[in-house]
Structures are given as C-alpha cells and as structure tokens.
Amino acid sequence: MTRFFLIIALFVLFAISACERGDNDLDKNFAIAYAELRIAEREYGETENGKTVRYEIMQRYEMDADVFEEKIKEIKNKPEKWLEFQNMVIAILDSTENYIKAELDSVAKSTKAKKGT
C-alpha cells in the first residue's frame, strides 16, 4: 500500500514540476531517482542495508551504476544543465524527503526480514 502512495506522490510531483518548468530535456524521473539515492546514502551510508536499498532504487528506475554515472557525466558537462538539475533535485527533496525516508525504512525492514536478521 505504501508503494502505491509513493507512486501517486511522485506522479503528482512530476506533474507539478512539469507544469512549473515547462518543456526541457532533463529527465525528471532521473532527478527523482537521484534524490532517492541521495537520501538512501545519507540515511544508511555504506552499510549492507544501504547498498541493498540503493540497488533496489536503481532497479525500480531500470538503471545500473554505469547508466547512472553516464547520465550524471552528461548533465555535469553542461554547467547550466547541472544547475537546473540540482535545483530540480532540491525541489524534490524539499517536498518529498520525509515520505521517501519512510519508504526506505520500509524497504530496509523488508530486506532484513527476507534475510532473517
């Protein structure tokens, strides 16, 4: 059920940001994934749970580390795009951080339960 609400919240956020910013070539789903990965890293660090949660986020957005790094490199090559991307990520973090933390805690607990620890 919480995944359903997360999907709805992210869809609403995506729709709002699309209306506010107009058309651009930055991938909003990638910005949302980047925000989730930043929160996961901050919450779990380099622990085993942290690695698992980040892996699951990448899977949800159908990318691996190579795709992620390539996309970041592509955005960073153009300072104006990097600034726009960072502003997008900050807006996402500001509006969804508490909800995403709750979702990540749920994923971590679920992962622990699956492993039996």
Protein backbone atom coordinates (compact mmCIF):
# COMPACT_ATOMS: atom_id res chain seq x y z
CA MET A 1 0.00 0.00 0.00
CA THR A 2 2.82 2.45 0.81
CA ARG A 3 4.35 1.84 -2.61
CA PHE A 4 1.02 2.88 -4.14
CA PHE A 5 1.10 6.17 -2.22
CA LEU A 6 4.75 6.71 -3.18
CA ILE A 7 3.89 6.24 -6.84
CA ILE A 8 0.97 8.66 -6.53
CA ALA A 9 3.09 11.24 -4.67
CA LEU A 10 5.87 11.03 -7.23
CA PHE A 11 3.39 11.26 -10.10
CA VAL A 12 1.84 14.38 -8.58
CA LEU A 13 5.28 15.85 -8.00
CA PHE A 14 6.25 15.04 -11.60
CA ALA A 15 3.09 16.66 -12.92
CA ILE A 16 3.57 19.77 -10.79
CA SER A 17 7.20 20.18 -11.77
CA ALA A 18 6.32 19.68 -15.45
CA CYS A 19 3.77 22.46 -15.22
CA GLU A 20 6.13 24.79 -13.36
CA ARG A 21 9.15 24.31 -15.57
CA GLY A 22 7.63 23.77 -18.98
CA ASP A 23 9.36 21.55 -21.51
CA ASN A 24 13.02 20.78 -21.00
CA ASP A 25 15.29 17.93 -21.86
CA LEU A 26 16.20 16.97 -18.30
CA ASP A 27 14.73 13.66 -17.21
CA LYS A 28 12.50 14.28 -14.18
CA ASN A 29 12.38 10.56 -13.34
CA PHE A 30 16.16 10.56 -13.18
CA ALA A 31 16.05 13.57 -10.84
CA ILE A 32 13.61 11.71 -8.59
CA ALA A 33 15.84 8.61 -8.62
CA TYR A 34 18.88 10.78 -7.84
CA ALA A 35 17.02 12.34 -4.90
CA GLU A 36 16.04 8.92 -3.55
CA LEU A 37 19.63 7.70 -3.89
CA ARG A 38 20.93 10.77 -2.01
CA ILE A 39 18.50 10.16 0.84
CA ALA A 40 19.38 6.46 0.96
CA GLU A 41 23.09 7.25 1.10
CA ARG A 42 22.59 9.81 3.84
CA GLU A 43 20.34 7.51 5.88
CA TYR A 44 22.25 4.23 5.51
CA GLY A 45 25.77 5.19 4.42
CA GLU A 46 27.91 2.38 3.06
CA THR A 47 26.25 -0.31 5.17
CA GLU A 48 24.96 -3.53 3.66
CA ASN A 49 21.39 -2.25 4.03
CA GLY A 50 22.42 0.98 2.30
CA LYS A 51 23.85 -0.89 -0.65
CA THR A 52 20.73 -3.05 -0.89
CA VAL A 53 18.37 -0.08 -0.73
CA ARG A 54 20.35 1.82 -3.38
CA TYR A 55 20.39 -1.27 -5.62
CA GLU A 56 16.60 -1.60 -5.29
CA ILE A 57 16.15 2.08 -6.17
CA MET A 58 18.29 1.61 -9.28
CA GLN A 59 16.25 -1.46 -10.24
CA ARG A 60 13.00 0.44 -9.78
CA TYR A 61 14.21 3.07 -12.25
CA GLU A 62 15.62 0.40 -14.59
CA MET A 63 19.24 1.50 -14.47
CA ASP A 64 22.55 0.23 -13.23
CA ALA A 65 25.60 2.06 -11.89
CA ASP A 66 27.07 2.52 -15.39
CA VAL A 67 23.88 4.10 -16.75
CA PHE A 68 23.63 6.30 -13.66
CA GLU A 69 27.25 7.51 -13.93
CA GLU A 70 26.92 8.18 -17.66
CA LYS A 71 23.78 10.25 -17.15
CA ILE A 72 25.44 12.28 -14.36
CA LYS A 73 28.52 12.84 -16.52
CA GLU A 74 26.33 14.01 -19.41
CA ILE A 75 24.50 16.51 -17.19
CA LYS A 76 27.68 17.77 -15.48
CA ASN A 77 29.29 18.52 -18.84
CA LYS A 78 26.93 21.49 -19.22
CA PRO A 79 27.03 23.74 -16.14
CA GLU A 80 23.63 25.30 -16.88
CA LYS A 81 22.06 21.83 -17.08
CA TRP A 82 23.82 20.76 -13.87
CA LEU A 83 22.46 23.81 -12.04
CA GLU A 84 18.95 23.20 -13.39
CA PHE A 85 19.21 19.52 -12.43
CA GLN A 86 20.39 20.35 -8.91
CA ASN A 87 17.54 22.83 -8.47
CA MET A 88 15.11 20.14 -9.60
CA VAL A 89 16.60 17.65 -7.12
CA ILE A 90 16.44 20.21 -4.28
CA ALA A 91 12.77 20.87 -5.04
CA ILE A 92 12.08 17.13 -4.99
CA LEU A 93 13.98 16.66 -1.72
CA ASP A 94 12.20 19.56 -0.08
CA SER A 95 8.76 18.25 -1.00
CA THR A 96 9.19 14.50 -0.55
CA GLU A 97 12.06 13.80 1.86
CA ASN A 98 10.01 12.61 4.81
CA TYR A 99 7.85 10.38 2.66
CA ILE A 100 10.84 8.82 0.90
CA LYS A 101 12.58 8.19 4.26
CA ALA A 102 9.55 6.25 5.44
CA GLU A 103 9.57 4.23 2.23
CA LEU A 104 13.29 3.48 2.54
CA ASP A 105 12.83 2.35 6.14
CA SER A 106 10.11 0.01 4.91
CA VAL A 107 12.41 -1.40 2.21
CA ALA A 108 15.25 -1.88 4.70
CA LYS A 109 12.97 -3.67 7.18
CA SER A 110 11.59 -5.85 4.42
CA THR A 111 15.11 -6.71 3.27
CA LYS A 112 16.15 -7.59 6.83
CA ALA A 113 13.09 -9.79 7.24
CA LYS A 114 13.86 -11.61 3.97
CA LYS A 115 17.43 -12.27 5.11
CA GLY A 116 16.22 -13.40 8.55
CA THR A 117 18.39 -10.97 10.52
